[in-house]
Amino acid sequence: YSSMKQAVQLASVDGLTENITYEKSGEKILEWYNKNLAKHLRT
């Protein structure tokens, strides 16, 4: 919870404006994740 919350906050500082898509597409969600959260999480 703490890691995800911090990652979202950092992404917002970087300019996160759009939400995760409602499209039922793993590729679209991965694209959103890589653009916004990937660099802020250790996986």
PDB file of all heavy atoms in Angstrom:
ATOM      1  N   TYR A   1       0.829  -1.204   0.000  1.00  0.00           N
ATOM      2  CA  TYR A   1       0.000   0.000   0.000  1.00  0.00           C
ATOM      3  C   TYR A   1       0.868   1.261   0.000  1.00  0.00           C
ATOM      4  O   TYR A   1       0.629   2.196  -0.773  1.00  0.00           O
ATOM      5  CB  TYR A   1      -0.917  -0.020   1.225  1.00  0.00           C
ATOM      6  CG  TYR A   1      -1.702   1.250   1.430  1.00  0.00           C
ATOM      7  CD1 TYR A   1      -2.847   1.520   0.690  1.00  0.00           C
ATOM      8  CD2 TYR A   1      -1.297   2.182   2.387  1.00  0.00           C
ATOM      9  CE1 TYR A   1      -3.573   2.689   0.888  1.00  0.00           C
ATOM     10  CE2 TYR A   1      -2.009   3.344   2.596  1.00  0.00           C
ATOM     11  CZ  TYR A   1      -3.141   3.602   1.846  1.00  0.00           C
ATOM     12  OH  TYR A   1      -3.849   4.761   2.035  1.00  0.00           O
ATOM     13  N   SER A   2       1.874   1.289   0.858  1.00  0.00           N
ATOM     14  CA  SER A   2       2.757   2.461   0.949  1.00  0.00           C
ATOM     15  C   SER A   2       3.535   2.681  -0.337  1.00  0.00           C
ATOM     16  O   SER A   2       3.663   3.817  -0.814  1.00  0.00           O
ATOM     17  CB  SER A   2       3.721   2.297   2.131  1.00  0.00           C
ATOM     18  OG  SER A   2       3.027   2.149   3.351  1.00  0.00           O
ATOM     19  N   SER A   3       4.049   1.588  -0.913  1.00  0.00           N
ATOM     20  CA  SER A   3       4.836   1.693  -2.151  1.00  0.00           C
ATOM     21  C   SER A   3       3.986   2.177  -3.313  1.00  0.00           C
ATOM     22  O   SER A   3       4.412   3.036  -4.096  1.00  0.00           O
ATOM     23  CB  SER A   3       5.469   0.337  -2.487  1.00  0.00           C
ATOM     24  OG  SER A   3       6.365  -0.072  -1.482  1.00  0.00           O
ATOM     25  N   MET A   4       2.775   1.628  -3.446  1.00  0.00           N
ATOM     26  CA  MET A   4       1.898   2.019  -4.540  1.00  0.00           C
ATOM     27  C   MET A   4       1.420   3.455  -4.372  1.00  0.00           C
ATOM     28  O   MET A   4       1.367   4.227  -5.341  1.00  0.00           O
ATOM     29  CB  MET A   4       0.703   1.080  -4.609  1.00  0.00           C
ATOM     30  CG  MET A   4       1.024  -0.293  -5.168  1.00  0.00           C
ATOM     31  SD  MET A   4       1.426  -0.265  -6.944  1.00  0.00           S
ATOM     32  CE  MET A   4      -0.200  -0.022  -7.637  1.00  0.00           C
ATOM     33  N   LYS A   5       1.083   3.820  -3.152  1.00  0.00           N
ATOM     34  CA  LYS A   5       0.618   5.174  -2.895  1.00  0.00           C
ATOM     35  C   LYS A   5       1.719   6.190  -3.236  1.00  0.00           C
ATOM     36  O   LYS A   5       1.472   7.219  -3.861  1.00  0.00           O
ATOM     37  CB  LYS A   5       0.207   5.305  -1.431  1.00  0.00           C
ATOM     38  CG  LYS A   5      -0.635   6.534  -1.113  1.00  0.00           C
ATOM     39  CD  LYS A   5      -1.123   6.491   0.320  1.00  0.00           C
ATOM     40  CE  LYS A   5      -2.031   7.663   0.628  1.00  0.00           C
ATOM     41  NZ  LYS A   5      -3.306   7.593  -0.100  1.00  0.00           N
ATOM     42  N   GLN A   6       2.945   5.875  -2.834  1.00  0.00           N
ATOM     43  CA  GLN A   6       4.071   6.762  -3.138  1.00  0.00           C
ATOM     44  C   GLN A   6       4.334   6.818  -4.638  1.00  0.00           C
ATOM     45  O   GLN A   6       4.612   7.890  -5.191  1.00  0.00           O
ATOM     46  CB  GLN A   6       5.321   6.281  -2.412  1.00  0.00           C
ATOM     47  CG  GLN A   6       6.542   7.171  -2.625  1.00  0.00           C
ATOM     48  CD  GLN A   6       7.765   6.650  -1.903  1.00  0.00           C
ATOM     49  OE1 GLN A   6       8.096   5.466  -1.993  1.00  0.00           O
ATOM     50  NE2 GLN A   6       8.444   7.523  -1.177  1.00  0.00           N
ATOM     51  N   ALA A   7       4.246   5.665  -5.310  1.00  0.00           N
ATOM     52  CA  ALA A   7       4.481   5.621  -6.753  1.00  0.00           C
ATOM     53  C   ALA A   7       3.468   6.479  -7.501  1.00  0.00           C
ATOM     54  O   ALA A   7       3.818   7.197  -8.446  1.00  0.00           O
ATOM     55  CB  ALA A   7       4.423   4.181  -7.246  1.00  0.00           C
ATOM     56  N   VAL A   8       2.213   6.411  -7.082  1.00  0.00           N
ATOM     57  CA  VAL A   8       1.164   7.217  -7.721  1.00  0.00           C
ATOM     58  C   VAL A   8       1.397   8.702  -7.469  1.00  0.00           C
ATOM     59  O   VAL A   8       1.229   9.537  -8.368  1.00  0.00           O
ATOM     60  CB  VAL A   8      -0.234   6.780  -7.219  1.00  0.00           C
ATOM     61  CG1 VAL A   8      -1.314   7.740  -7.718  1.00  0.00           C
ATOM     62  CG2 VAL A   8      -0.541   5.358  -7.673  1.00  0.00           C
ATOM     63  N   GLN A   9       1.816   9.050  -6.255  1.00  0.00           N
ATOM     64  CA  GLN A   9       2.097  10.446  -5.935  1.00  0.00           C
ATOM     65  C   GLN A   9       3.272  10.981  -6.757  1.00  0.00           C
ATOM     66  O   GLN A   9       3.228  12.100  -7.274  1.00  0.00           O
ATOM     67  CB  GLN A   9       2.381  10.590  -4.435  1.00  0.00           C
ATOM     68  CG  GLN A   9       1.153  10.387  -3.560  1.00  0.00           C
ATOM     69  CD  GLN A   9       1.483  10.344  -2.085  1.00  0.00           C
ATOM     70  OE1 GLN A   9       2.641  10.175  -1.685  1.00  0.00           O
ATOM     71  NE2 GLN A   9       0.456  10.484  -1.244  1.00  0.00           N
ATOM     72  N   LEU A  10       4.321  10.171  -6.893  1.00  0.00           N
ATOM     73  CA  LEU A  10       5.476  10.575  -7.694  1.00  0.00           C
ATOM     74  C   LEU A  10       5.107  10.703  -9.167  1.00  0.00           C
ATOM     75  O   LEU A  10       5.567  11.610  -9.861  1.00  0.00           O
ATOM     76  CB  LEU A  10       6.617   9.576  -7.516  1.00  0.00           C
ATOM     77  CG  LEU A  10       7.276   9.557  -6.136  1.00  0.00           C
ATOM     78  CD1 LEU A  10       8.264   8.396  -6.028  1.00  0.00           C
ATOM     79  CD2 LEU A  10       7.989  10.880  -5.867  1.00  0.00           C
ATOM     80  N   ALA A  11       4.261   9.773  -9.635  1.00  0.00           N
ATOM     81  CA  ALA A  11       3.801   9.850 -11.023  1.00  0.00           C
ATOM     82  C   ALA A  11       2.990  11.112 -11.251  1.00  0.00           C
ATOM     83  O   ALA A  11       3.061  11.728 -12.322  1.00  0.00           O
ATOM     84  CB  ALA A  11       2.977   8.614 -11.369  1.00  0.00           C
ATOM     85  N   SER A  12       2.219  11.524 -10.236  1.00  0.00           N
ATOM     86  CA  SER A  12       1.432  12.747 -10.349  1.00  0.00           C
ATOM     87  C   SER A  12       2.344  13.962 -10.458  1.00  0.00           C
ATOM     88  O   SER A  12       2.061  14.903 -11.216  1.00  0.00           O
ATOM     89  CB  SER A  12       0.498  12.890  -9.133  1.00  0.00           C
ATOM     90  OG  SER A  12      -0.423  11.824  -9.089  1.00  0.00           O
ATOM     91  N   VAL A  13       3.442  13.953  -9.716  1.00  0.00           N
ATOM     92  CA  VAL A  13       4.415  15.044  -9.807  1.00  0.00           C
ATOM     93  C   VAL A  13       5.022  15.098 -11.210  1.00  0.00           C
ATOM     94  O   VAL A  13       5.282  16.174 -11.755  1.00  0.00           O
ATOM     95  CB  VAL A  13       5.526  14.871  -8.750  1.00  0.00           C
ATOM     96  CG1 VAL A  13       6.640  15.895  -8.969  1.00  0.00           C
ATOM     97  CG2 VAL A  13       4.949  15.011  -7.349  1.00  0.00           C
ATOM     98  N   ASP A  14       5.211  13.916 -11.795  1.00  0.00           N
ATOM     99  CA  ASP A  14       5.778  13.843 -13.138  1.00  0.00           C
ATOM    100  C   ASP A  14       4.786  14.234 -14.221  1.00  0.00           C
ATOM    101  O   ASP A  14       5.149  14.345 -15.389  1.00  0.00           O
ATOM    102  CB  ASP A  14       6.289  12.419 -13.420  1.00  0.00           C
ATOM    103  CG  ASP A  14       7.499  12.073 -12.555  1.00  0.00           C
ATOM    104  OD1 ASP A  14       8.139  13.012 -12.051  1.00  0.00           O
ATOM    105  OD2 ASP A  14       7.782  10.872 -12.390  1.00  0.00           O
ATOM    106  N   GLY A  15       3.519  14.371 -13.841  1.00  0.00           N
ATOM    107  CA  GLY A  15       2.518  14.794 -14.815  1.00  0.00           C
ATOM    108  C   GLY A  15       1.459  13.764 -15.128  1.00  0.00           C
ATOM    109  O   GLY A  15       0.857  13.778 -16.199  1.00  0.00           O
ATOM    110  N   LEU A  16       1.216  12.845 -14.186  1.00  0.00           N
ATOM    111  CA  LEU A  16       0.152  11.866 -14.382  1.00  0.00           C
ATOM    112  C   LEU A  16      -1.199  12.579 -14.444  1.00  0.00           C
ATOM    113  O   LEU A  16      -1.599  13.269 -13.520  1.00  0.00           O
ATOM    114  CB  LEU A  16       0.149  10.865 -13.222  1.00  0.00           C
ATOM    115  CG  LEU A  16      -1.054   9.903 -13.155  1.00  0.00           C
ATOM    116  CD1 LEU A  16      -1.094   8.990 -14.360  1.00  0.00           C
ATOM    117  CD2 LEU A  16      -0.990   9.084 -11.871  1.00  0.00           C
ATOM    118  N   THR A  17      -1.889  12.426 -15.524  1.00  0.00           N
ATOM    119  CA  THR A  17      -3.200  13.060 -15.667  1.00  0.00           C
ATOM    120  C   THR A  17      -4.268  12.053 -16.067  1.00  0.00           C
ATOM    121  O   THR A  17      -5.417  12.152 -15.633  1.00  0.00           O
ATOM    122  CB  THR A  17      -3.161  14.178 -16.728  1.00  0.00           C
ATOM    123  OG1 THR A  17      -2.675  13.637 -17.958  1.00  0.00           O
ATOM    124  CG2 THR A  17      -2.268  15.323 -16.279  1.00  0.00           C
ATOM    125  N   GLU A  18      -3.897  11.069 -16.872  1.00  0.00           N
ATOM    126  CA  GLU A  18      -4.905  10.132 -17.369  1.00  0.00           C
ATOM    127  C   GLU A  18      -5.055   8.942 -16.425  1.00  0.00           C
ATOM    128  O   GLU A  18      -4.152   8.594 -15.674  1.00  0.00           O
ATOM    129  CB  GLU A  18      -4.537   9.636 -18.772  1.00  0.00           C
ATOM    130  CG  GLU A  18      -3.425   8.587 -18.816  1.00  0.00           C
ATOM    131  CD  GLU A  18      -2.016   9.187 -18.781  1.00  0.00           C
ATOM    132  OE1 GLU A  18      -1.875  10.364 -18.421  1.00  0.00           O
ATOM    133  OE2 GLU A  18      -1.075   8.454 -19.107  1.00  0.00           O
ATOM    134  N   ASN A  19      -6.238   8.334 -16.448  1.00  0.00           N
ATOM    135  CA  ASN A  19      -6.502   7.140 -15.669  1.00  0.00           C
ATOM    136  C   ASN A  19      -6.148   5.890 -16.464  1.00  0.00           C
ATOM    137  O   ASN A  19      -5.957   5.948 -17.688  1.00  0.00           O
ATOM    138  CB  ASN A  19      -7.986   7.080 -15.279  1.00  0.00           C
ATOM    139  CG  ASN A  19      -8.300   7.940 -14.070  1.00  0.00           C
ATOM    140  OD1 ASN A  19      -7.569   7.917 -13.084  1.00  0.00           O
ATOM    141  ND2 ASN A  19      -9.363   8.719 -14.153  1.00  0.00           N
ATOM    142  N   ILE A  20      -6.075   4.774 -15.750  1.00  0.00           N
ATOM    143  CA  ILE A  20      -5.928   3.496 -16.446  1.00  0.00           C
ATOM    144  C   ILE A  20      -7.126   3.317 -17.371  1.00  0.00           C
ATOM    145  O   ILE A  20      -8.260   3.626 -17.014  1.00  0.00           O
ATOM    146  CB  ILE A  20      -5.864   2.330 -15.442  1.00  0.00           C
ATOM    147  CG1 ILE A  20      -4.606   2.452 -14.574  1.00  0.00           C
ATOM    148  CG2 ILE A  20      -5.868   0.993 -16.150  1.00  0.00           C
ATOM    149  CD1 ILE A  20      -4.494   1.380 -13.521  1.00  0.00           C
ATOM    150  N   THR A  21      -6.873   2.802 -18.542  1.00  0.00           N
ATOM    151  CA  THR A  21      -7.935   2.654 -19.532  1.00  0.00           C
ATOM    152  C   THR A  21      -9.046   1.710 -19.063  1.00  0.00           C
ATOM    153  O   THR A  21      -8.816   0.808 -18.262  1.00  0.00           O
ATOM    154  CB  THR A  21      -7.349   2.109 -20.844  1.00  0.00           C
ATOM    155  OG1 THR A  21      -8.401   1.923 -21.789  1.00  0.00           O
ATOM    156  CG2 THR A  21      -6.665   0.765 -20.635  1.00  0.00           C
ATOM    157  N   TYR A  22     -10.241   1.947 -19.584  1.00  0.00           N
ATOM    158  CA  TYR A  22     -11.346   1.019 -19.379  1.00  0.00           C
ATOM    159  C   TYR A  22     -11.384  -0.021 -20.499  1.00  0.00           C
ATOM    160  O   TYR A  22     -12.230  -0.914 -20.495  1.00  0.00           O
ATOM    161  CB  TYR A  22     -12.675   1.772 -19.322  1.00  0.00           C
ATOM    162  CG  TYR A  22     -13.143   2.037 -17.910  1.00  0.00           C
ATOM    163  CD1 TYR A  22     -13.225   3.319 -17.403  1.00  0.00           C
ATOM    164  CD2 TYR A  22     -13.505   0.977 -17.079  1.00  0.00           C
ATOM    165  CE1 TYR A  22     -13.655   3.555 -16.105  1.00  0.00           C
ATOM    166  CE2 TYR A  22     -13.940   1.196 -15.772  1.00  0.00           C
ATOM    167  CZ  TYR A  22     -14.017   2.487 -15.298  1.00  0.00           C
ATOM    168  OH  TYR A  22     -14.437   2.715 -14.010  1.00  0.00           O
ATOM    169  N   GLU A  23     -10.464   0.127 -21.442  1.00  0.00           N
ATOM    170  CA  GLU A  23     -10.383  -0.880 -22.498  1.00  0.00           C
ATOM    171  C   GLU A  23      -9.907  -2.197 -21.898  1.00  0.00           C
ATOM    172  O   GLU A  23      -8.981  -2.221 -21.086  1.00  0.00           O
ATOM    173  CB  GLU A  23      -9.405  -0.434 -23.593  1.00  0.00           C
ATOM    174  CG  GLU A  23      -9.862   0.736 -24.419  1.00  0.00           C
ATOM    175  CD  GLU A  23      -8.879   1.038 -25.547  1.00  0.00           C
ATOM    176  OE1 GLU A  23      -8.574   0.109 -26.325  1.00  0.00           O
ATOM    177  OE2 GLU A  23      -8.419   2.185 -25.628  1.00  0.00           O
ATOM    178  N   LYS A  24     -10.515  -3.270 -22.298  1.00  0.00           N
ATOM    179  CA  LYS A  24     -10.129  -4.585 -21.796  1.00  0.00           C
ATOM    180  C   LYS A  24      -8.922  -5.078 -22.583  1.00  0.00           C
ATOM    181  O   LYS A  24      -9.006  -6.015 -23.370  1.00  0.00           O
ATOM    182  CB  LYS A  24     -11.312  -5.536 -21.893  1.00  0.00           C
ATOM    183  CG  LYS A  24     -12.503  -5.087 -21.056  1.00  0.00           C
ATOM    184  CD  LYS A  24     -13.717  -5.952 -21.282  1.00  0.00           C
ATOM    185  CE  LYS A  24     -14.877  -5.489 -20.408  1.00  0.00           C
ATOM    186  NZ  LYS A  24     -15.304  -4.106 -20.668  1.00  0.00           N
ATOM    187  N   SER A  25      -7.799  -4.416 -22.342  1.00  0.00           N
ATOM    188  CA  SER A  25      -6.578  -4.700 -23.103  1.00  0.00           C
ATOM    189  C   SER A  25      -5.371  -4.691 -22.180  1.00  0.00           C
ATOM    190  O   SER A  25      -5.029  -3.654 -21.586  1.00  0.00           O
ATOM    191  CB  SER A  25      -6.401  -3.648 -24.209  1.00  0.00           C
ATOM    192  OG  SER A  25      -5.101  -3.709 -24.743  1.00  0.00           O
ATOM    193  N   GLY A  26      -4.716  -5.849 -22.036  1.00  0.00           N
ATOM    194  CA  GLY A  26      -3.515  -5.926 -21.228  1.00  0.00           C
ATOM    195  C   GLY A  26      -2.399  -5.059 -21.769  1.00  0.00           C
ATOM    196  O   GLY A  26      -1.630  -4.469 -21.006  1.00  0.00           O
ATOM    197  N   GLU A  27      -2.315  -4.936 -23.101  1.00  0.00           N
ATOM    198  CA  GLU A  27      -1.274  -4.123 -23.720  1.00  0.00           C
ATOM    199  C   GLU A  27      -1.448  -2.646 -23.370  1.00  0.00           C
ATOM    200  O   GLU A  27      -0.473  -1.947 -23.079  1.00  0.00           O
ATOM    201  CB  GLU A  27      -1.296  -4.300 -25.242  1.00  0.00           C
ATOM    202  CG  GLU A  27      -0.783  -5.645 -25.752  1.00  0.00           C
ATOM    203  CD  GLU A  27      -1.780  -6.770 -25.533  1.00  0.00           C
ATOM    204  OE1 GLU A  27      -2.985  -6.473 -25.280  1.00  0.00           O
ATOM    205  OE2 GLU A  27      -1.368  -7.947 -25.593  1.00  0.00           O
ATOM    206  N   LYS A  28      -2.684  -2.173 -23.373  1.00  0.00           N
ATOM    207  CA  LYS A  28      -2.959  -0.773 -23.029  1.00  0.00           C
ATOM    208  C   LYS A  28      -2.625  -0.485 -21.568  1.00  0.00           C
ATOM    209  O   LYS A  28      -2.078   0.572 -21.232  1.00  0.00           O
ATOM    210  CB  LYS A  28      -4.428  -0.444 -23.305  1.00  0.00           C
ATOM    211  CG  LYS A  28      -4.803  -0.390 -24.779  1.00  0.00           C
ATOM    212  CD  LYS A  28      -4.265   0.881 -25.417  1.00  0.00           C
ATOM    213  CE  LYS A  28      -4.761   1.007 -26.841  1.00  0.00           C
ATOM    214  NZ  LYS A  28      -4.226   2.235 -27.495  1.00  0.00           N
ATOM    215  N   ILE A  29      -2.973  -1.426 -20.700  1.00  0.00           N
ATOM    216  CA  ILE A  29      -2.704  -1.242 -19.272  1.00  0.00           C
ATOM    217  C   ILE A  29      -1.204  -1.301 -19.010  1.00  0.00           C
ATOM    218  O   ILE A  29      -0.666  -0.521 -18.210  1.00  0.00           O
ATOM    219  CB  ILE A  29      -3.453  -2.300 -18.447  1.00  0.00           C
ATOM    220  CG1 ILE A  29      -4.964  -2.069 -18.589  1.00  0.00           C
ATOM    221  CG2 ILE A  29      -3.045  -2.250 -16.976  1.00  0.00           C
ATOM    222  CD1 ILE A  29      -5.818  -3.155 -18.001  1.00  0.00           C
ATOM    223  N   LEU A  30      -0.496  -2.185 -19.699  1.00  0.00           N
ATOM    224  CA  LEU A  30       0.959  -2.249 -19.564  1.00  0.00           C
ATOM    225  C   LEU A  30       1.592  -0.949 -20.041  1.00  0.00           C
ATOM    226  O   LEU A  30       2.541  -0.440 -19.410  1.00  0.00           O
ATOM    227  CB  LEU A  30       1.513  -3.434 -20.362  1.00  0.00           C
ATOM    228  CG  LEU A  30       3.035  -3.586 -20.333  1.00  0.00           C
ATOM    229  CD1 LEU A  30       3.523  -3.841 -18.909  1.00  0.00           C
ATOM    230  CD2 LEU A  30       3.483  -4.721 -21.264  1.00  0.00           C
ATOM    231  N   GLU A  31       1.082  -0.398 -21.132  1.00  0.00           N
ATOM    232  CA  GLU A  31       1.592   0.875 -21.640  1.00  0.00           C
ATOM    233  C   GLU A  31       1.407   1.980 -20.601  1.00  0.00           C
ATOM    234  O   GLU A  31       2.324   2.786 -20.361  1.00  0.00           O
ATOM    235  CB  GLU A  31       0.854   1.233 -22.928  1.00  0.00           C
ATOM    236  CG  GLU A  31       1.296   2.532 -23.572  1.00  0.00           C
ATOM    237  CD  GLU A  31       0.500   2.866 -24.820  1.00  0.00           C
ATOM    238  OE1 GLU A  31      -0.142   1.948 -25.389  1.00  0.00           O
ATOM    239  OE2 GLU A  31       0.500   4.043 -25.218  1.00  0.00           O
ATOM    240  N   TRP A  32       0.246   2.028 -19.968  1.00  0.00           N
ATOM    241  CA  TRP A  32      -0.020   3.021 -18.920  1.00  0.00           C
ATOM    242  C   TRP A  32       0.911   2.818 -17.735  1.00  0.00           C
ATOM    243  O   TRP A  32       1.492   3.769 -17.194  1.00  0.00           O
ATOM    244  CB  TRP A  32      -1.473   2.921 -18.466  1.00  0.00           C
ATOM    245  CG  TRP A  32      -1.874   3.963 -17.466  1.00  0.00           C
ATOM    246  CD1 TRP A  32      -2.467   5.161 -17.714  1.00  0.00           C
ATOM    247  CD2 TRP A  32      -1.690   3.900 -16.040  1.00  0.00           C
ATOM    248  NE1 TRP A  32      -2.672   5.857 -16.542  1.00  0.00           N
ATOM    249  CE2 TRP A  32      -2.204   5.106 -15.499  1.00  0.00           C
ATOM    250  CE3 TRP A  32      -1.154   2.952 -15.171  1.00  0.00           C
ATOM    251  CZ2 TRP A  32      -2.182   5.381 -14.133  1.00  0.00           C
ATOM    252  CZ3 TRP A  32      -1.134   3.226 -13.805  1.00  0.00           C
ATOM    253  CH2 TRP A  32      -1.650   4.431 -13.306  1.00  0.00           C
ATOM    254  N   TYR A  33       1.075   1.561 -17.332  1.00  0.00           N
ATOM    255  CA  TYR A  33       1.934   1.237 -16.195  1.00  0.00           C
ATOM    256  C   TYR A  33       3.383   1.638 -16.464  1.00  0.00           C
ATOM    257  O   TYR A  33       4.030   2.263 -15.605  1.00  0.00           O
ATOM    258  CB  TYR A  33       1.844  -0.259 -15.901  1.00  0.00           C
ATOM    259  CG  TYR A  33       2.844  -0.752 -14.890  1.00  0.00           C
ATOM    260  CD1 TYR A  33       2.587  -0.665 -13.526  1.00  0.00           C
ATOM    261  CD2 TYR A  33       4.058  -1.311 -15.305  1.00  0.00           C
ATOM    262  CE1 TYR A  33       3.513  -1.110 -12.592  1.00  0.00           C
ATOM    263  CE2 TYR A  33       4.994  -1.760 -14.380  1.00  0.00           C
ATOM    264  CZ  TYR A  33       4.712  -1.654 -13.032  1.00  0.00           C
ATOM    265  OH  TYR A  33       5.637  -2.084 -12.115  1.00  0.00           O
ATOM    266  N   ASN A  34       3.888   1.302 -17.634  1.00  0.00           N
ATOM    267  CA  ASN A  34       5.281   1.634 -17.967  1.00  0.00           C
ATOM    268  C   ASN A  34       5.503   3.146 -18.024  1.00  0.00           C
ATOM    269  O   ASN A  34       6.569   3.646 -17.647  1.00  0.00           O
ATOM    270  CB  ASN A  34       5.677   1.002 -19.300  1.00  0.00           C
ATOM    271  CG  ASN A  34       5.894  -0.501 -19.177  1.00  0.00           C
ATOM    272  OD1 ASN A  34       6.221  -1.004 -18.103  1.00  0.00           O
ATOM    273  ND2 ASN A  34       5.706  -1.219 -20.278  1.00  0.00           N
ATOM    274  N   LYS A  35       4.509   3.857 -18.471  1.00  0.00           N
ATOM    275  CA  LYS A  35       4.619   5.310 -18.587  1.00  0.00           C
ATOM    276  C   LYS A  35       4.558   6.004 -17.230  1.00  0.00           C
ATOM    277  O   LYS A  35       5.257   7.011 -17.004  1.00  0.00           O
ATOM    278  CB  LYS A  35       3.501   5.836 -19.494  1.00  0.00           C
ATOM    279  CG  LYS A  35       3.512   7.354 -19.676  1.00  0.00           C
ATOM    280  CD  LYS A  35       2.370   7.790 -20.579  1.00  0.00           C
ATOM    281  CE  LYS A  35       2.338   9.313 -20.735  1.00  0.00           C
ATOM    282  NZ  LYS A  35       1.207   9.758 -21.587  1.00  0.00           N
ATOM    283  N   ASN A  36       3.781   5.463 -16.299  1.00  0.00           N
ATOM    284  CA  ASN A  36       3.497   6.184 -15.063  1.00  0.00           C
ATOM    285  C   ASN A  36       4.095   5.589 -13.789  1.00  0.00           C
ATOM    286  O   ASN A  36       4.579   6.330 -12.929  1.00  0.00           O
ATOM    287  CB  ASN A  36       1.984   6.307 -14.879  1.00  0.00           C
ATOM    288  CG  ASN A  36       1.325   7.141 -15.958  1.00  0.00           C
ATOM    289  OD1 ASN A  36       1.458   8.358 -15.960  1.00  0.00           O
ATOM    290  ND2 ASN A  36       0.622   6.490 -16.874  1.00  0.00           N
ATOM    291  N   LEU A  37       4.070   4.270 -13.638  1.00  0.00           N
ATOM    292  CA  LEU A  37       4.444   3.687 -12.355  1.00  0.00           C
ATOM    293  C   LEU A  37       5.736   2.878 -12.355  1.00  0.00           C
ATOM    294  O   LEU A  37       6.376   2.747 -11.306  1.00  0.00           O
ATOM    295  CB  LEU A  37       3.316   2.779 -11.842  1.00  0.00           C
ATOM    296  CG  LEU A  37       1.957   3.426 -11.573  1.00  0.00           C
ATOM    297  CD1 LEU A  37       1.029   2.402 -10.938  1.00  0.00           C
ATOM    298  CD2 LEU A  37       2.086   4.645 -10.686  1.00  0.00           C
ATOM    299  N   ALA A  38       6.104   2.331 -13.488  1.00  0.00           N
ATOM    300  CA  ALA A  38       7.216   1.369 -13.542  1.00  0.00           C
ATOM    301  C   ALA A  38       8.490   1.886 -12.887  1.00  0.00           C
ATOM    302  O   ALA A  38       9.149   1.174 -12.119  1.00  0.00           O
ATOM    303  CB  ALA A  38       7.480   0.963 -14.986  1.00  0.00           C
ATOM    304  N   LYS A  39       8.866   3.126 -13.154  1.00  0.00           N
ATOM    305  CA  LYS A  39      10.135   3.652 -12.632  1.00  0.00           C
ATOM    306  C   LYS A  39      10.085   3.958 -11.137  1.00  0.00           C
ATOM    307  O   LYS A  39      11.125   4.206 -10.514  1.00  0.00           O
ATOM    308  CB  LYS A  39      10.538   4.900 -13.399  1.00  0.00           C
ATOM    309  CG  LYS A  39       9.588   6.080 -13.269  1.00  0.00           C
ATOM    310  CD  LYS A  39      10.075   7.249 -14.119  1.00  0.00           C
ATOM    311  CE  LYS A  39       9.106   8.429 -14.070  1.00  0.00           C
ATOM    312  NZ  LYS A  39       9.583   9.557 -14.915  1.00  0.00           N
ATOM    313  N   HIS A  40       8.909   3.929 -10.558  1.00  0.00           N
ATOM    314  CA  HIS A  40       8.764   4.238  -9.136  1.00  0.00           C
ATOM    315  C   HIS A  40       8.555   2.990  -8.278  1.00  0.00           C
ATOM    316  O   HIS A  40       8.408   3.100  -7.065  1.00  0.00           O
ATOM    317  CB  HIS A  40       7.584   5.185  -8.921  1.00  0.00           C
ATOM    318  CG  HIS A  40       7.699   6.474  -9.668  1.00  0.00           C
ATOM    319  ND1 HIS A  40       8.769   7.332  -9.520  1.00  0.00           N
ATOM    320  CD2 HIS A  40       6.884   7.045 -10.593  1.00  0.00           C
ATOM    321  CE1 HIS A  40       8.612   8.383 -10.300  1.00  0.00           C
ATOM    322  NE2 HIS A  40       7.476   8.234 -10.961  1.00  0.00           N
ATOM    323  N   LEU A  41       8.545   1.814  -8.891  1.00  0.00           N
ATOM    324  CA  LEU A  41       8.352   0.564  -8.157  1.00  0.00           C
ATOM    325  C   LEU A  41       9.516  -0.386  -8.411  1.00  0.00           C
ATOM    326  O   LEU A  41      10.053  -0.434  -9.526  1.00  0.00           O
ATOM    327  CB  LEU A  41       7.045  -0.116  -8.598  1.00  0.00           C
ATOM    328  CG  LEU A  41       5.735   0.552  -8.206  1.00  0.00           C
ATOM    329  CD1 LEU A  41       4.567  -0.171  -8.876  1.00  0.00           C
ATOM    330  CD2 LEU A  41       5.534   0.560  -6.699  1.00  0.00           C
ATOM    331  N   ARG A  42       9.888  -1.128  -7.385  1.00  0.00           N
ATOM    332  CA  ARG A  42      10.939  -2.139  -7.522  1.00  0.00           C
ATOM    333  C   ARG A  42      10.270  -3.501  -7.686  1.00  0.00           C
ATOM    334  O   ARG A  42       9.557  -3.967  -6.792  1.00  0.00           O
ATOM    335  CB  ARG A  42      11.850  -2.124  -6.301  1.00  0.00           C
ATOM    336  CG  ARG A  42      12.563  -0.787  -6.077  1.00  0.00           C
ATOM    337  CD  ARG A  42      13.458  -0.839  -4.862  1.00  0.00           C
ATOM    338  NE  ARG A  42      14.540  -1.783  -5.037  1.00  0.00           N
ATOM    339  CZ  ARG A  42      15.380  -2.163  -4.069  1.00  0.00           C
ATOM    340  NH1 ARG A  42      15.205  -1.693  -2.838  1.00  0.00           N
ATOM    341  NH2 ARG A  42      16.350  -3.023  -4.315  1.00  0.00           N
ATOM    342  N   THR A  43      10.469  -4.114  -8.826  1.00  0.00           N
ATOM    343  CA  THR A  43       9.761  -5.351  -9.144  1.00  0.00           C
ATOM    344  C   THR A  43      10.707  -6.417  -9.683  1.00  0.00           C
ATOM    345  O   THR A  43      11.829  -6.132 -10.101  1.00  0.00           O
ATOM    346  CB  THR A  43       8.674  -5.086 -10.197  1.00  0.00           C
ATOM    347  OG1 THR A  43       9.302  -4.654 -11.421  1.00  0.00           O
ATOM    348  CG2 THR A  43       7.705  -4.006  -9.725  1.00  0.00           C
TER     349      THR A  43
END
